[in-house]
Amino acid sequence: MVQSGLQYATVHKTRHKGRVVHVEVRVVCGQEEAINAALAASPVSTMINTAFVERHHGTDRHRNGRKIRKSLGSSKDWQVHNAVTYFAMYSYNVCWSVRTLRRRGVEGQWEQQPPAMAAGLTDHMWSLAEWLTFPVVQLK
């Protein structure tokens, strides 16, 4: 089932000798006008592109040795692979500052912040020990 109001498009790149020669945007879900309105309202991008998802994949591969391409560190157990993926991405979002998300503080100095802080999900950058010892309630 597709969630109502979902706007989804893909980018198809045609390559010749390894170079992109043509880019075609395809609307998969939603209306083209709604997608254009969402892009116009976006503070980070004015066009449909793969930059954000590719940056996410690059960070994921960097932080999780089981996903590095062409290596011997591949996962053999899906549950462990899934657990390491969750650990890498959750700890990245709350425990590590991202240079591109820094902001000016009260005294004009640059303050580092993790993605969760930039999104307003937490009020401070957590230490790894604080994050690992925080009590969690599992909902299932």
C-alpha atoms as a PDB file:
ATOM      1  CA  MET A   1       0.000   0.000   0.000  1.00  0.00           C
ATOM      2  CA  VAL A   2       1.295   3.409  -0.938  1.00  0.00           C
ATOM      3  CA  GLN A   3       0.812   6.098   1.684  1.00  0.00           C
ATOM      4  CA  SER A   4      -1.526   8.827   0.485  1.00  0.00           C
ATOM      5  CA  GLY A   5       0.244  12.061  -0.350  1.00  0.00           C
ATOM      6  CA  LEU A   6       3.543  10.315  -1.115  1.00  0.00           C
ATOM      7  CA  GLN A   7       5.557  12.122  -3.779  1.00  0.00           C
ATOM      8  CA  TYR A   8       8.258   9.941  -5.298  1.00  0.00           C
ATOM      9  CA  ALA A   9      10.461  10.305  -8.348  1.00  0.00           C
ATOM     10  CA  THR A  10      13.569   8.588  -9.667  1.00  0.00           C
ATOM     11  CA  VAL A  11      16.537   9.759 -11.665  1.00  0.00           C
ATOM     12  CA  HIS A  12      17.647   7.655 -14.636  1.00  0.00           C
ATOM     13  CA  LYS A  13      21.155   8.410 -15.891  1.00  0.00           C
ATOM     14  CA  THR A  14      22.310   7.356 -19.351  1.00  0.00           C
ATOM     15  CA  ARG A  15      26.062   6.865 -19.576  1.00  0.00           C
ATOM     16  CA  HIS A  16      28.435   6.665 -22.494  1.00  0.00           C
ATOM     17  CA  LYS A  17      31.997   5.483 -21.788  1.00  0.00           C
ATOM     18  CA  GLY A  18      31.461   6.047 -18.058  1.00  0.00           C
ATOM     19  CA  ARG A  19      30.224   9.632 -18.384  1.00  0.00           C
ATOM     20  CA  VAL A  20      26.658  10.772 -17.794  1.00  0.00           C
ATOM     21  CA  VAL A  21      25.273  12.040 -21.104  1.00  0.00           C
ATOM     22  CA  HIS A  22      21.572  12.328 -20.256  1.00  0.00           C
ATOM     23  CA  VAL A  23      19.495  12.565 -17.061  1.00  0.00           C
ATOM     24  CA  GLU A  24      15.793  11.708 -17.098  1.00  0.00           C
ATOM     25  CA  VAL A  25      13.492  12.298 -14.126  1.00  0.00           C
ATOM     26  CA  ARG A  26      10.596   9.859 -13.798  1.00  0.00           C
ATOM     27  CA  VAL A  27       7.621  10.432 -11.485  1.00  0.00           C
ATOM     28  CA  VAL A  28       6.807   7.119  -9.775  1.00  0.00           C
ATOM     29  CA  CYS A  29       4.168   8.229  -7.278  1.00  0.00           C
ATOM     30  CA  GLY A  30       2.187  11.431  -7.004  1.00  0.00           C
ATOM     31  CA  GLN A  31       1.693  14.303  -9.377  1.00  0.00           C
ATOM     32  CA  GLU A  32       4.463  16.208 -11.134  1.00  0.00           C
ATOM     33  CA  GLU A  33       3.006  19.541  -9.926  1.00  0.00           C
ATOM     34  CA  ALA A  34       3.115  18.366  -6.286  1.00  0.00           C
ATOM     35  CA  ILE A  35       6.723  17.209  -6.678  1.00  0.00           C
ATOM     36  CA  ASN A  36       7.689  20.567  -8.204  1.00  0.00           C
ATOM     37  CA  ALA A  37       5.941  22.373  -5.314  1.00  0.00           C
ATOM     38  CA  ALA A  38       7.850  20.243  -2.784  1.00  0.00           C
ATOM     39  CA  LEU A  39      11.134  21.041  -4.535  1.00  0.00           C
ATOM     40  CA  ALA A  40      10.291  24.755  -4.567  1.00  0.00           C
ATOM     41  CA  ALA A  41       9.676  24.613  -0.802  1.00  0.00           C
ATOM     42  CA  SER A  42      12.844  22.611  -0.100  1.00  0.00           C
ATOM     43  CA  PRO A  43      15.621  24.558   1.646  1.00  0.00           C
ATOM     44  CA  VAL A  44      18.337  22.179   0.372  1.00  0.00           C
ATOM     45  CA  SER A  45      17.645  21.295  -3.253  1.00  0.00           C
ATOM     46  CA  THR A  46      15.769  22.601  -6.273  1.00  0.00           C
ATOM     47  CA  MET A  47      15.991  19.454  -8.379  1.00  0.00           C
ATOM     48  CA  ILE A  48      15.504  15.733  -8.039  1.00  0.00           C
ATOM     49  CA  ASN A  49      18.892  14.096  -7.577  1.00  0.00           C
ATOM     50  CA  THR A  50      20.623  11.167  -5.947  1.00  0.00           C
ATOM     51  CA  ALA A  51      23.127  13.195  -3.913  1.00  0.00           C
ATOM     52  CA  PHE A  52      21.425  12.751  -0.547  1.00  0.00           C
ATOM     53  CA  VAL A  53      20.833   9.020  -0.792  1.00  0.00           C
ATOM     54  CA  GLU A  54      24.347   8.458  -2.161  1.00  0.00           C
ATOM     55  CA  ARG A  55      25.840  10.480   0.710  1.00  0.00           C
ATOM     56  CA  HIS A  56      23.832   8.325   3.134  1.00  0.00           C
ATOM     57  CA  HIS A  57      25.092   5.133   1.467  1.00  0.00           C
ATOM     58  CA  GLY A  58      28.685   6.406   1.561  1.00  0.00           C
ATOM     59  CA  THR A  59      28.411   7.201   5.269  1.00  0.00           C
ATOM     60  CA  ASP A  60      26.829   3.808   5.909  1.00  0.00           C
ATOM     61  CA  ARG A  61      29.646   1.977   4.087  1.00  0.00           C
ATOM     62  CA  HIS A  62      32.278   4.078   5.887  1.00  0.00           C
ATOM     63  CA  ARG A  63      30.880   3.368   9.346  1.00  0.00           C
ATOM     64  CA  ASN A  64      29.976  -0.282   8.771  1.00  0.00           C
ATOM     65  CA  GLY A  65      32.838  -2.494   7.616  1.00  0.00           C
ATOM     66  CA  ARG A  66      30.361  -5.202   6.615  1.00  0.00           C
ATOM     67  CA  LYS A  67      29.179  -3.027   3.730  1.00  0.00           C
ATOM     68  CA  ILE A  68      32.505  -1.995   2.239  1.00  0.00           C
ATOM     69  CA  ARG A  69      32.683  -2.948  -1.399  1.00  0.00           C
ATOM     70  CA  LYS A  70      35.059  -5.670  -2.572  1.00  0.00           C
ATOM     71  CA  SER A  71      36.310  -6.719   0.859  1.00  0.00           C
ATOM     72  CA  LEU A  72      36.518  -9.845   2.971  1.00  0.00           C
ATOM     73  CA  GLY A  73      34.549  -8.202   5.797  1.00  0.00           C
ATOM     74  CA  SER A  74      31.140  -9.140   4.458  1.00  0.00           C
ATOM     75  CA  SER A  75      28.342 -10.331   6.726  1.00  0.00           C
ATOM     76  CA  LYS A  76      27.459 -13.979   6.959  1.00  0.00           C
ATOM     77  CA  ASP A  77      24.629 -13.643   9.500  1.00  0.00           C
ATOM     78  CA  TRP A  78      21.711 -11.374   8.572  1.00  0.00           C
ATOM     79  CA  GLN A  79      20.756 -10.632  12.209  1.00  0.00           C
ATOM     80  CA  VAL A  80      24.261  -9.463  13.075  1.00  0.00           C
ATOM     81  CA  HIS A  81      24.447  -7.452   9.847  1.00  0.00           C
ATOM     82  CA  ASN A  82      21.135  -5.773  10.706  1.00  0.00           C
ATOM     83  CA  ALA A  83      22.241  -5.077  14.305  1.00  0.00           C
ATOM     84  CA  VAL A  84      25.532  -3.498  13.175  1.00  0.00           C
ATOM     85  CA  THR A  85      23.642  -1.372  10.641  1.00  0.00           C
ATOM     86  CA  TYR A  86      21.296  -0.059  13.342  1.00  0.00           C
ATOM     87  CA  PHE A  87      24.210   0.573  15.710  1.00  0.00           C
ATOM     88  CA  ALA A  88      26.216   2.460  13.069  1.00  0.00           C
ATOM     89  CA  MET A  89      23.371   4.698  11.908  1.00  0.00           C
ATOM     90  CA  TYR A  90      21.796   5.431  15.307  1.00  0.00           C
ATOM     91  CA  SER A  91      25.132   6.196  16.968  1.00  0.00           C
ATOM     92  CA  TYR A  92      26.107   8.371  13.980  1.00  0.00           C
ATOM     93  CA  ASN A  93      22.910  10.396  14.325  1.00  0.00           C
ATOM     94  CA  VAL A  94      23.253  11.152  18.042  1.00  0.00           C
ATOM     95  CA  CYS A  95      26.950  10.807  18.949  1.00  0.00           C
ATOM     96  CA  TRP A  96      28.999  12.307  16.118  1.00  0.00           C
ATOM     97  CA  SER A  97      29.065  15.870  14.902  1.00  0.00           C
ATOM     98  CA  VAL A  98      28.761  16.531  11.207  1.00  0.00           C
ATOM     99  CA  ARG A  99      30.815  19.454   9.908  1.00  0.00           C
ATOM    100  CA  THR A 100      28.171  20.571   7.436  1.00  0.00           C
ATOM    101  CA  LEU A 101      25.567  20.810  10.218  1.00  0.00           C
ATOM    102  CA  ARG A 102      27.562  23.135  12.467  1.00  0.00           C
ATOM    103  CA  ARG A 103      25.908  26.377  13.515  1.00  0.00           C
ATOM    104  CA  ARG A 104      26.879  29.736  14.964  1.00  0.00           C
ATOM    105  CA  GLY A 105      26.520  29.880  18.724  1.00  0.00           C
ATOM    106  CA  VAL A 106      25.623  32.811  20.932  1.00  0.00           C
ATOM    107  CA  GLU A 107      29.131  34.208  20.940  1.00  0.00           C
ATOM    108  CA  GLY A 108      29.609  33.737  17.194  1.00  0.00           C
ATOM    109  CA  GLN A 109      31.689  30.568  17.626  1.00  0.00           C
ATOM    110  CA  TRP A 110      30.958  27.497  15.546  1.00  0.00           C
ATOM    111  CA  GLU A 111      29.137  24.789  17.508  1.00  0.00           C
ATOM    112  CA  GLN A 112      29.230  21.195  16.350  1.00  0.00           C
ATOM    113  CA  GLN A 113      26.042  19.165  16.311  1.00  0.00           C
ATOM    114  CA  PRO A 114      24.965  15.678  15.277  1.00  0.00           C
ATOM    115  CA  PRO A 115      22.133  15.116  12.773  1.00  0.00           C
ATOM    116  CA  ALA A 116      19.584  14.336  15.537  1.00  0.00           C
ATOM    117  CA  MET A 117      20.340  17.676  17.189  1.00  0.00           C
ATOM    118  CA  ALA A 118      20.043  19.542  13.887  1.00  0.00           C
ATOM    119  CA  ALA A 119      16.643  17.881  13.373  1.00  0.00           C
ATOM    120  CA  GLY A 120      15.507  18.930  16.853  1.00  0.00           C
ATOM    121  CA  LEU A 121      15.304  15.354  18.191  1.00  0.00           C
ATOM    122  CA  THR A 122      17.803  15.918  21.010  1.00  0.00           C
ATOM    123  CA  ASP A 123      19.198  18.921  22.850  1.00  0.00           C
ATOM    124  CA  HIS A 124      22.836  17.790  23.101  1.00  0.00           C
ATOM    125  CA  MET A 125      25.446  15.590  21.483  1.00  0.00           C
ATOM    126  CA  TRP A 126      25.473  12.292  23.341  1.00  0.00           C
ATOM    127  CA  SER A 127      28.623  10.451  24.326  1.00  0.00           C
ATOM    128  CA  LEU A 128      28.753   6.867  23.109  1.00  0.00           C
ATOM    129  CA  ALA A 129      28.676   5.650  26.727  1.00  0.00           C
ATOM    130  CA  GLU A 130      25.593   7.763  27.466  1.00  0.00           C
ATOM    131  CA  TRP A 131      23.834   6.442  24.371  1.00  0.00           C
ATOM    132  CA  LEU A 132      24.711   2.786  25.050  1.00  0.00           C
ATOM    133  CA  THR A 133      23.571   2.927  28.696  1.00  0.00           C
ATOM    134  CA  PHE A 134      20.344   4.847  28.090  1.00  0.00           C
ATOM    135  CA  PRO A 135      17.344   2.685  29.075  1.00  0.00           C
ATOM    136  CA  VAL A 136      15.286   1.682  26.066  1.00  0.00           C
ATOM    137  CA  VAL A 137      11.747   0.387  25.884  1.00  0.00           C
ATOM    138  CA  GLN A 138      11.152  -1.944  22.960  1.00  0.00           C
ATOM    139  CA  LEU A 139       7.729  -1.568  21.321  1.00  0.00           C
ATOM    140  CA  LYS A 140       6.520  -4.628  19.428  1.00  0.00           C
END
